[in-house]
Amino acid sequence: MPSSNIFQRIRQSLKRGGPGVAGAIVGFAIALIWVRFGFFRLLFILVLTALGYYLGIRYFSDRETVRRWLDKIFPPGKFR
């Protein structure tokens, strides 16, 4: 029975994790958003997600950078 072989491979992939499972989950989430909201709203959500990822990598990867950024916005030392 070839279909049981497919299910066994899927089960093994889920146990191991890895990029295939992560890609499948991301693809499934994108498909759900597309069906629920439509193409242009999906595009808007993806652009904001990419922007958030970029800002997170650029500005929030180092704690000292975040502290300096907060000191520019709020009085220094007030919230620490």
C-alpha atoms as a PDB file:
ATOM      1  CA  MET A   1       0.000   0.000   0.000  1.00  0.00           C
ATOM      2  CA  PRO A   2       1.852   3.121  -1.202  1.00  0.00           C
ATOM      3  CA  SER A   3      -0.226   5.626   0.761  1.00  0.00           C
ATOM      4  CA  SER A   4       0.894   4.209   4.130  1.00  0.00           C
ATOM      5  CA  ASN A   5       4.500   4.746   3.035  1.00  0.00           C
ATOM      6  CA  ILE A   6       3.750   8.430   2.452  1.00  0.00           C
ATOM      7  CA  PHE A   7       2.185   8.788   5.893  1.00  0.00           C
ATOM      8  CA  GLN A   8       5.181   7.074   7.501  1.00  0.00           C
ATOM      9  CA  ARG A   9       7.550   9.490   5.769  1.00  0.00           C
ATOM     10  CA  ILE A  10       5.454  12.471   6.911  1.00  0.00           C
ATOM     11  CA  ARG A  11       5.397  11.178  10.482  1.00  0.00           C
ATOM     12  CA  GLN A  12       9.200  10.697  10.453  1.00  0.00           C
ATOM     13  CA  SER A  13       9.714  14.193   9.041  1.00  0.00           C
ATOM     14  CA  LEU A  14       7.536  15.697  11.761  1.00  0.00           C
ATOM     15  CA  LYS A  15       9.533  13.878  14.436  1.00  0.00           C
ATOM     16  CA  ARG A  16      12.852  15.098  13.032  1.00  0.00           C
ATOM     17  CA  GLY A  17      11.708  18.643  12.290  1.00  0.00           C
ATOM     18  CA  GLY A  18      13.931  20.533   9.890  1.00  0.00           C
ATOM     19  CA  PRO A  19      13.472  22.904   6.992  1.00  0.00           C
ATOM     20  CA  GLY A  20      10.859  20.812   5.177  1.00  0.00           C
ATOM     21  CA  VAL A  21       8.465  20.908   8.097  1.00  0.00           C
ATOM     22  CA  ALA A  22       9.110  24.598   8.725  1.00  0.00           C
ATOM     23  CA  GLY A  23       8.464  25.348   5.043  1.00  0.00           C
ATOM     24  CA  ALA A  24       5.264  23.347   5.070  1.00  0.00           C
ATOM     25  CA  ILE A  25       3.982  25.171   8.146  1.00  0.00           C
ATOM     26  CA  VAL A  26       4.830  28.584   6.673  1.00  0.00           C
ATOM     27  CA  GLY A  27       3.205  27.631   3.370  1.00  0.00           C
ATOM     28  CA  PHE A  28       0.093  26.427   5.121  1.00  0.00           C
ATOM     29  CA  ALA A  29      -0.138  29.637   7.163  1.00  0.00           C
ATOM     30  CA  ILE A  30       0.251  31.768   4.023  1.00  0.00           C
ATOM     31  CA  ALA A  31      -2.446  29.754   2.270  1.00  0.00           C
ATOM     32  CA  LEU A  32      -4.835  30.211   5.197  1.00  0.00           C
ATOM     33  CA  ILE A  33      -4.219  33.957   5.295  1.00  0.00           C
ATOM     34  CA  TRP A  34      -4.742  34.184   1.523  1.00  0.00           C
ATOM     35  CA  VAL A  35      -8.036  32.312   1.694  1.00  0.00           C
ATOM     36  CA  ARG A  36      -9.244  34.289   4.700  1.00  0.00           C
ATOM     37  CA  PHE A  37      -8.202  37.826   3.708  1.00  0.00           C
ATOM     38  CA  GLY A  38      -7.418  37.853  -0.027  1.00  0.00           C
ATOM     39  CA  PHE A  39      -4.271  38.540  -2.028  1.00  0.00           C
ATOM     40  CA  PHE A  40      -3.639  42.213  -1.284  1.00  0.00           C
ATOM     41  CA  ARG A  41      -4.168  41.873   2.437  1.00  0.00           C
ATOM     42  CA  LEU A  42      -1.870  38.842   2.365  1.00  0.00           C
ATOM     43  CA  LEU A  43       0.732  40.939   0.576  1.00  0.00           C
ATOM     44  CA  PHE A  44       0.352  43.686   3.190  1.00  0.00           C
ATOM     45  CA  ILE A  45       0.774  41.175   6.033  1.00  0.00           C
ATOM     46  CA  LEU A  46       3.871  39.662   4.398  1.00  0.00           C
ATOM     47  CA  VAL A  47       5.458  43.087   3.832  1.00  0.00           C
ATOM     48  CA  LEU A  48       4.880  44.083   7.461  1.00  0.00           C
ATOM     49  CA  THR A  49       6.243  40.735   8.634  1.00  0.00           C
ATOM     50  CA  ALA A  50       9.378  41.177   6.534  1.00  0.00           C
ATOM     51  CA  LEU A  51       9.776  44.735   7.831  1.00  0.00           C
ATOM     52  CA  GLY A  52       9.415  43.519  11.408  1.00  0.00           C
ATOM     53  CA  TYR A  53      11.990  40.804  10.808  1.00  0.00           C
ATOM     54  CA  TYR A  54      14.440  43.300   9.321  1.00  0.00           C
ATOM     55  CA  LEU A  55      13.967  45.773  12.173  1.00  0.00           C
ATOM     56  CA  GLY A  56      14.332  42.993  14.714  1.00  0.00           C
ATOM     57  CA  ILE A  57      17.603  41.805  13.200  1.00  0.00           C
ATOM     58  CA  ARG A  58      18.922  45.318  12.645  1.00  0.00           C
ATOM     59  CA  TYR A  59      18.017  46.997  15.926  1.00  0.00           C
ATOM     60  CA  PHE A  60      17.090  44.413  18.533  1.00  0.00           C
ATOM     61  CA  SER A  61      19.835  41.818  18.162  1.00  0.00           C
ATOM     62  CA  ASP A  62      22.066  43.601  20.695  1.00  0.00           C
ATOM     63  CA  ARG A  63      20.768  44.620  24.145  1.00  0.00           C
ATOM     64  CA  GLU A  64      23.015  47.678  24.275  1.00  0.00           C
ATOM     65  CA  THR A  65      21.561  48.957  21.001  1.00  0.00           C
ATOM     66  CA  VAL A  66      18.063  48.654  22.435  1.00  0.00           C
ATOM     67  CA  ARG A  67      19.106  50.521  25.589  1.00  0.00           C
ATOM     68  CA  ARG A  68      20.637  53.356  23.567  1.00  0.00           C
ATOM     69  CA  TRP A  69      17.497  53.504  21.418  1.00  0.00           C
ATOM     70  CA  LEU A  70      15.256  53.678  24.505  1.00  0.00           C
ATOM     71  CA  ASP A  71      17.506  56.359  26.049  1.00  0.00           C
ATOM     72  CA  LYS A  72      16.916  58.495  22.954  1.00  0.00           C
ATOM     73  CA  ILE A  73      13.152  58.155  23.314  1.00  0.00           C
ATOM     74  CA  PHE A  74      12.783  58.245  27.118  1.00  0.00           C
ATOM     75  CA  PRO A  75      14.910  60.024  29.728  1.00  0.00           C
ATOM     76  CA  PRO A  76      18.120  58.035  30.348  1.00  0.00           C
ATOM     77  CA  GLY A  77      17.862  55.517  33.162  1.00  0.00           C
ATOM     78  CA  LYS A  78      14.208  56.203  33.914  1.00  0.00           C
ATOM     79  CA  PHE A  79      12.914  52.768  32.869  1.00  0.00           C
ATOM     80  CA  ARG A  80      15.837  50.590  33.993  1.00  0.00           C
END
